[in-house]
């Protein structure tokens, strides 16, 4: 994990966004640059949103996610199963968002390794409290920002299938395709596989 990556609250404006992530990859593979991608998404409403006001916050995050994955992973997102694409999207989120990576690594991975398959609200609250004690920037966030981030963290867990449902708060191990695992090991990013609870 790159220590240069600062904590940010960017996920408040961009959650899992798998469909959108896939569309941005498709445009990138067509040879469009970042500005052309942004313009096309906005002018042609590529994501088919009723309201496009959230796009200005979302697009830079999606572009960052597509930048941190290589051509092999981009091709897998476009050509392999939705499950493979979701794993790669989660990897891209962790690679671009330090707070989320550390949440996966310090909370989810630890719970799964301890065979504790119930996530509790107190686990998430304790994590945010701990990070606020460690980092001034995190400590400066409002309750509103923290609550929104917690909601997004849970939503990502649900969309990846790591969290079965919000009623039981039961955790699942994510099934990670062998090709994806092999590729991430090959490029030296096995810590992300580990953070997913593998």
C-alpha atoms as a PDB file:
ATOM      1  CA  UNK A   1       0.000   0.000   0.000  1.00  0.00           C
ATOM      2  CA  UNK A   2       1.414   3.341  -1.031  1.00  0.00           C
ATOM      3  CA  UNK A   3       2.023   5.567   1.973  1.00  0.00           C
ATOM      4  CA  UNK A   4       1.746   8.650  -0.299  1.00  0.00           C
ATOM      5  CA  UNK A   5      -1.972   8.007  -0.631  1.00  0.00           C
ATOM      6  CA  UNK A   6      -3.684  10.336   1.830  1.00  0.00           C
ATOM      7  CA  UNK A   7      -6.937   9.651   3.600  1.00  0.00           C
ATOM      8  CA  UNK A   8      -9.863  11.148   1.727  1.00  0.00           C
ATOM      9  CA  UNK A   9     -13.641  11.279   1.890  1.00  0.00           C
ATOM     10  CA  UNK A  10     -14.004  10.888  -1.907  1.00  0.00           C
ATOM     11  CA  UNK A  11     -16.132   7.769  -1.518  1.00  0.00           C
ATOM     12  CA  UNK A  12     -19.002   9.921  -0.239  1.00  0.00           C
ATOM     13  CA  UNK A  13     -19.557  10.947  -3.871  1.00  0.00           C
ATOM     14  CA  UNK A  14     -18.663   7.673  -5.531  1.00  0.00           C
ATOM     15  CA  UNK A  15     -19.591   4.303  -4.077  1.00  0.00           C
ATOM     16  CA  UNK A  16     -19.130   0.953  -5.845  1.00  0.00           C
ATOM     17  CA  UNK A  17     -20.296   2.177  -9.294  1.00  0.00           C
ATOM     18  CA  UNK A  18     -19.535  -1.067 -11.114  1.00  0.00           C
ATOM     19  CA  UNK A  19     -21.659  -0.286 -14.190  1.00  0.00           C
ATOM     20  CA  UNK A  20     -20.076   3.179 -14.479  1.00  0.00           C
ATOM     21  CA  UNK A  21     -16.564   1.784 -13.937  1.00  0.00           C
ATOM     22  CA  UNK A  22     -17.121  -0.638 -16.823  1.00  0.00           C
ATOM     23  CA  UNK A  23     -18.364   2.170 -19.113  1.00  0.00           C
ATOM     24  CA  UNK A  24     -15.293   4.313 -18.368  1.00  0.00           C
ATOM     25  CA  UNK A  25     -12.994   1.355 -19.103  1.00  0.00           C
ATOM     26  CA  UNK A  26     -14.799   0.767 -22.403  1.00  0.00           C
ATOM     27  CA  UNK A  27     -14.278   4.429 -23.406  1.00  0.00           C
ATOM     28  CA  UNK A  28     -10.628   4.274 -22.353  1.00  0.00           C
ATOM     29  CA  UNK A  29     -10.108   1.107 -24.401  1.00  0.00           C
ATOM     30  CA  UNK A  30     -11.613   2.963 -27.383  1.00  0.00           C
ATOM     31  CA  UNK A  31      -8.673   5.370 -27.097  1.00  0.00           C
ATOM     32  CA  UNK A  32     -10.402   8.396 -25.571  1.00  0.00           C
ATOM     33  CA  UNK A  33      -8.396  10.607 -23.213  1.00  0.00           C
ATOM     34  CA  UNK A  34      -9.712  11.687 -19.806  1.00  0.00           C
ATOM     35  CA  UNK A  35     -11.185  14.960 -21.068  1.00  0.00           C
ATOM     36  CA  UNK A  36     -12.936  13.229 -23.982  1.00  0.00           C
ATOM     37  CA  UNK A  37     -14.302  10.564 -21.611  1.00  0.00           C
ATOM     38  CA  UNK A  38     -15.622  13.225 -19.229  1.00  0.00           C
ATOM     39  CA  UNK A  39     -17.222  15.216 -22.060  1.00  0.00           C
ATOM     40  CA  UNK A  40     -18.831  12.131 -23.622  1.00  0.00           C
ATOM     41  CA  UNK A  41     -20.257  10.916 -20.289  1.00  0.00           C
ATOM     42  CA  UNK A  42     -21.790  14.315 -19.567  1.00  0.00           C
ATOM     43  CA  UNK A  43     -23.018  15.271 -23.065  1.00  0.00           C
ATOM     44  CA  UNK A  44     -24.322  11.827 -24.043  1.00  0.00           C
ATOM     45  CA  UNK A  45     -25.426  10.817 -20.512  1.00  0.00           C
ATOM     46  CA  UNK A  46     -23.555   7.525 -20.926  1.00  0.00           C
ATOM     47  CA  UNK A  47     -24.608   6.355 -17.442  1.00  0.00           C
ATOM     48  CA  UNK A  48     -28.274   7.110 -18.257  1.00  0.00           C
ATOM     49  CA  UNK A  49     -28.882   9.101 -15.078  1.00  0.00           C
ATOM     50  CA  UNK A  50     -32.038  11.138 -14.603  1.00  0.00           C
ATOM     51  CA  UNK A  51     -29.986  13.810 -12.848  1.00  0.00           C
ATOM     52  CA  UNK A  52     -26.421  14.417 -13.966  1.00  0.00           C
ATOM     53  CA  UNK A  53     -25.419  16.757 -11.122  1.00  0.00           C
ATOM     54  CA  UNK A  54     -23.415  14.039  -9.329  1.00  0.00           C
ATOM     55  CA  UNK A  55     -21.256  13.315 -12.390  1.00  0.00           C
ATOM     56  CA  UNK A  56     -18.756  16.113 -11.703  1.00  0.00           C
ATOM     57  CA  UNK A  57     -17.746  14.453  -8.411  1.00  0.00           C
ATOM     58  CA  UNK A  58     -17.981  10.902  -9.678  1.00  0.00           C
ATOM     59  CA  UNK A  59     -16.040  10.998 -12.953  1.00  0.00           C
ATOM     60  CA  UNK A  60     -12.599  11.922 -11.494  1.00  0.00           C
ATOM     61  CA  UNK A  61     -12.893   9.011  -9.020  1.00  0.00           C
ATOM     62  CA  UNK A  62     -13.825   6.589 -11.795  1.00  0.00           C
ATOM     63  CA  UNK A  63     -10.944   7.826 -13.951  1.00  0.00           C
ATOM     64  CA  UNK A  64      -8.527   7.280 -11.045  1.00  0.00           C
ATOM     65  CA  UNK A  65      -9.833   3.727 -10.633  1.00  0.00           C
ATOM     66  CA  UNK A  66      -9.295   2.940 -14.313  1.00  0.00           C
ATOM     67  CA  UNK A  67      -5.776   4.437 -14.156  1.00  0.00           C
ATOM     68  CA  UNK A  68      -4.613   2.071 -11.399  1.00  0.00           C
ATOM     69  CA  UNK A  69      -5.549  -1.098 -13.269  1.00  0.00           C
ATOM     70  CA  UNK A  70      -3.537  -2.377 -16.207  1.00  0.00           C
ATOM     71  CA  UNK A  71      -4.719  -3.513 -19.642  1.00  0.00           C
ATOM     72  CA  UNK A  72      -5.030  -7.142 -18.521  1.00  0.00           C
ATOM     73  CA  UNK A  73      -7.435  -6.231 -15.719  1.00  0.00           C
ATOM     74  CA  UNK A  74      -9.353  -3.790 -17.929  1.00  0.00           C
ATOM     75  CA  UNK A  75      -9.877  -6.537 -20.488  1.00  0.00           C
ATOM     76  CA  UNK A  76     -11.072  -8.903 -17.744  1.00  0.00           C
ATOM     77  CA  UNK A  77     -13.642  -6.323 -16.586  1.00  0.00           C
ATOM     78  CA  UNK A  78     -15.016  -6.027 -20.117  1.00  0.00           C
ATOM     79  CA  UNK A  79     -14.854  -9.691 -21.150  1.00  0.00           C
ATOM     80  CA  UNK A  80     -15.114 -11.882 -18.035  1.00  0.00           C
ATOM     81  CA  UNK A  81     -18.016 -12.488 -15.657  1.00  0.00           C
ATOM     82  CA  UNK A  82     -19.622  -9.817 -13.510  1.00  0.00           C
ATOM     83  CA  UNK A  83     -18.070 -11.489 -10.425  1.00  0.00           C
ATOM     84  CA  UNK A  84     -14.567 -11.050 -11.892  1.00  0.00           C
ATOM     85  CA  UNK A  85     -15.354  -7.422 -12.733  1.00  0.00           C
ATOM     86  CA  UNK A  86     -16.618  -6.738  -9.216  1.00  0.00           C
ATOM     87  CA  UNK A  87     -13.409  -8.115  -7.664  1.00  0.00           C
ATOM     88  CA  UNK A  88     -11.337  -5.883  -9.952  1.00  0.00           C
ATOM     89  CA  UNK A  89     -13.510  -2.874  -9.134  1.00  0.00           C
ATOM     90  CA  UNK A  90     -13.053  -3.562  -5.407  1.00  0.00           C
ATOM     91  CA  UNK A  91      -9.292  -3.836  -5.978  1.00  0.00           C
ATOM     92  CA  UNK A  92      -9.336  -0.470  -7.820  1.00  0.00           C
ATOM     93  CA  UNK A  93     -11.303   1.121  -4.957  1.00  0.00           C
ATOM     94  CA  UNK A  94      -8.781  -0.150  -2.406  1.00  0.00           C
ATOM     95  CA  UNK A  95      -5.882   0.959  -4.593  1.00  0.00           C
ATOM     96  CA  UNK A  96      -7.232   4.529  -4.835  1.00  0.00           C
ATOM     97  CA  UNK A  97      -8.765   4.912  -1.377  1.00  0.00           C
ATOM     98  CA  UNK A  98      -6.482   4.381   1.603  1.00  0.00           C
ATOM     99  CA  UNK A  99      -9.278   4.535   4.183  1.00  0.00           C
ATOM    100  CA  UNK A 100     -11.227   1.793   2.426  1.00  0.00           C
ATOM    101  CA  UNK A 101      -8.151  -0.396   1.862  1.00  0.00           C
ATOM    102  CA  UNK A 102      -7.255  -0.191   5.544  1.00  0.00           C
ATOM    103  CA  UNK A 103     -10.861  -0.947   6.525  1.00  0.00           C
ATOM    104  CA  UNK A 104     -10.760  -4.111   4.411  1.00  0.00           C
ATOM    105  CA  UNK A 105      -7.302  -5.025   5.710  1.00  0.00           C
ATOM    106  CA  UNK A 106      -7.806  -4.212   9.389  1.00  0.00           C
ATOM    107  CA  UNK A 107     -11.480  -5.064   9.914  1.00  0.00           C
ATOM    108  CA  UNK A 108     -12.853  -7.414   7.232  1.00  0.00           C
ATOM    109  CA  UNK A 109      -9.719  -9.509   6.725  1.00  0.00           C
ATOM    110  CA  UNK A 110      -9.175  -9.861  10.474  1.00  0.00           C
ATOM    111  CA  UNK A 111     -12.775 -10.938  11.073  1.00  0.00           C
ATOM    112  CA  UNK A 112     -12.690 -13.533   8.294  1.00  0.00           C
ATOM    113  CA  UNK A 113      -9.309 -14.877   9.420  1.00  0.00           C
ATOM    114  CA  UNK A 114     -10.669 -15.227  12.961  1.00  0.00           C
ATOM    115  CA  UNK A 115     -13.761 -17.025  11.581  1.00  0.00           C
ATOM    116  CA  UNK A 116     -15.891 -14.219  13.003  1.00  0.00           C
ATOM    117  CA  UNK A 117     -18.515 -13.842  10.296  1.00  0.00           C
ATOM    118  CA  UNK A 118     -20.613 -11.110  11.908  1.00  0.00           C
ATOM    119  CA  UNK A 119     -19.819  -7.484  11.225  1.00  0.00           C
ATOM    120  CA  UNK A 120     -21.180  -5.143  13.865  1.00  0.00           C
ATOM    121  CA  UNK A 121     -21.791  -1.413  13.779  1.00  0.00           C
ATOM    122  CA  UNK A 122     -19.355  -1.079  16.667  1.00  0.00           C
ATOM    123  CA  UNK A 123     -16.604  -2.569  14.433  1.00  0.00           C
ATOM    124  CA  UNK A 124     -17.106   0.214  11.892  1.00  0.00           C
ATOM    125  CA  UNK A 125     -17.430   2.907  14.558  1.00  0.00           C
ATOM    126  CA  UNK A 126     -14.269   1.709  16.318  1.00  0.00           C
ATOM    127  CA  UNK A 127     -12.393   1.754  13.008  1.00  0.00           C
ATOM    128  CA  UNK A 128     -13.370   5.372  12.297  1.00  0.00           C
ATOM    129  CA  UNK A 129     -12.534   6.425  15.861  1.00  0.00           C
ATOM    130  CA  UNK A 130      -9.129   4.749  15.584  1.00  0.00           C
ATOM    131  CA  UNK A 131      -8.368   6.501  12.269  1.00  0.00           C
ATOM    132  CA  UNK A 132      -9.436   9.876  13.700  1.00  0.00           C
ATOM    133  CA  UNK A 133      -6.975   9.341  16.554  1.00  0.00           C
ATOM    134  CA  UNK A 134      -4.207   8.548  14.049  1.00  0.00           C
ATOM    135  CA  UNK A 135      -4.823  11.258  11.469  1.00  0.00           C
ATOM    136  CA  UNK A 136      -5.720  14.963  11.784  1.00  0.00           C
ATOM    137  CA  UNK A 137      -7.524  15.031   8.455  1.00  0.00           C
ATOM    138  CA  UNK A 138      -9.841  12.168   9.429  1.00  0.00           C
ATOM    139  CA  UNK A 139     -10.347  13.804  12.839  1.00  0.00           C
ATOM    140  CA  UNK A 140     -11.491  17.025  11.113  1.00  0.00           C
ATOM    141  CA  UNK A 141     -14.371  15.364   9.240  1.00  0.00           C
ATOM    142  CA  UNK A 142     -17.919  16.149  10.364  1.00  0.00           C
ATOM    143  CA  UNK A 143     -20.305  13.542  11.733  1.00  0.00           C
ATOM    144  CA  UNK A 144     -22.251  13.885   8.485  1.00  0.00           C
ATOM    145  CA  UNK A 145     -19.162  12.945   6.424  1.00  0.00           C
ATOM    146  CA  UNK A 146     -18.321  10.037   8.721  1.00  0.00           C
ATOM    147  CA  UNK A 147     -21.877   8.716   8.611  1.00  0.00           C
ATOM    148  CA  UNK A 148     -22.000   8.974   4.824  1.00  0.00           C
ATOM    149  CA  UNK A 149     -18.670   7.129   4.535  1.00  0.00           C
ATOM    150  CA  UNK A 150     -19.905   4.375   6.856  1.00  0.00           C
ATOM    151  CA  UNK A 151     -23.022   3.974   4.665  1.00  0.00           C
ATOM    152  CA  UNK A 152     -20.859   3.772   1.533  1.00  0.00           C
ATOM    153  CA  UNK A 153     -18.511   1.214   3.146  1.00  0.00           C
ATOM    154  CA  UNK A 154     -21.502  -1.001   3.962  1.00  0.00           C
ATOM    155  CA  UNK A 155     -22.980  -0.511   0.487  1.00  0.00           C
ATOM    156  CA  UNK A 156     -19.708  -1.625  -1.144  1.00  0.00           C
ATOM    157  CA  UNK A 157     -19.624  -4.723   1.075  1.00  0.00           C
ATOM    158  CA  UNK A 158     -23.205  -5.526   0.032  1.00  0.00           C
ATOM    159  CA  UNK A 159     -22.553  -4.979  -3.685  1.00  0.00           C
ATOM    160  CA  UNK A 160     -19.493  -7.226  -3.643  1.00  0.00           C
ATOM    161  CA  UNK A 161     -21.346  -9.914  -1.700  1.00  0.00           C
ATOM    162  CA  UNK A 162     -18.918  -9.736   1.234  1.00  0.00           C
ATOM    163  CA  UNK A 163     -21.870  -8.682   3.399  1.00  0.00           C
ATOM    164  CA  UNK A 164     -24.808 -11.085   2.909  1.00  0.00           C
ATOM    165  CA  UNK A 165     -27.467  -8.612   3.998  1.00  0.00           C
ATOM    166  CA  UNK A 166     -27.967  -5.678   6.344  1.00  0.00           C
ATOM    167  CA  UNK A 167     -30.322  -7.548   8.655  1.00  0.00           C
ATOM    168  CA  UNK A 168     -27.909 -10.241   9.809  1.00  0.00           C
ATOM    169  CA  UNK A 169     -24.638  -8.377   9.101  1.00  0.00           C
ATOM    170  CA  UNK A 170     -23.175 -11.748   8.142  1.00  0.00           C
ATOM    171  CA  UNK A 171     -19.910 -11.766   6.210  1.00  0.00           C
ATOM    172  CA  UNK A 172     -19.076 -13.995   3.244  1.00  0.00           C
ATOM    173  CA  UNK A 173     -15.698 -14.847   1.826  1.00  0.00           C
ATOM    174  CA  UNK A 174     -15.413 -13.374  -1.633  1.00  0.00           C
ATOM    175  CA  UNK A 175     -14.780 -15.862  -4.435  1.00  0.00           C
ATOM    176  CA  UNK A 176     -11.791 -14.538  -6.316  1.00  0.00           C
ATOM    177  CA  UNK A 177     -11.062 -15.930  -9.771  1.00  0.00           C
ATOM    178  CA  UNK A 178      -7.699 -17.731  -9.976  1.00  0.00           C
ATOM    179  CA  UNK A 179      -6.649 -15.656 -13.003  1.00  0.00           C
ATOM    180  CA  UNK A 180      -7.237 -12.435 -11.091  1.00  0.00           C
ATOM    181  CA  UNK A 181      -5.325 -13.745  -8.062  1.00  0.00           C
ATOM    182  CA  UNK A 182      -2.450 -14.897 -10.257  1.00  0.00           C
ATOM    183  CA  UNK A 183      -2.271 -11.560 -12.045  1.00  0.00           C
ATOM    184  CA  UNK A 184      -2.332  -9.508  -8.830  1.00  0.00           C
ATOM    185  CA  UNK A 185       0.431 -11.694  -7.382  1.00  0.00           C
ATOM    186  CA  UNK A 186       2.418 -11.310 -10.607  1.00  0.00           C
ATOM    187  CA  UNK A 187       2.281  -7.489 -10.398  1.00  0.00           C
ATOM    188  CA  UNK A 188       3.138  -7.500  -6.681  1.00  0.00           C
ATOM    189  CA  UNK A 189      -0.305  -6.607  -5.325  1.00  0.00           C
ATOM    190  CA  UNK A 190      -1.061  -9.735  -3.306  1.00  0.00           C
ATOM    191  CA  UNK A 191      -1.801  -7.613  -0.209  1.00  0.00           C
ATOM    192  CA  UNK A 192      -5.085  -6.610  -1.889  1.00  0.00           C
ATOM    193  CA  UNK A 193      -6.110 -10.270  -2.271  1.00  0.00           C
ATOM    194  CA  UNK A 194      -5.315 -10.721   1.409  1.00  0.00           C
ATOM    195  CA  UNK A 195      -7.360  -7.619   2.320  1.00  0.00           C
ATOM    196  CA  UNK A 196     -10.379  -9.167   0.582  1.00  0.00           C
ATOM    197  CA  UNK A 197     -10.180 -11.955   3.162  1.00  0.00           C
ATOM    198  CA  UNK A 198      -8.525 -14.570   0.950  1.00  0.00           C
END
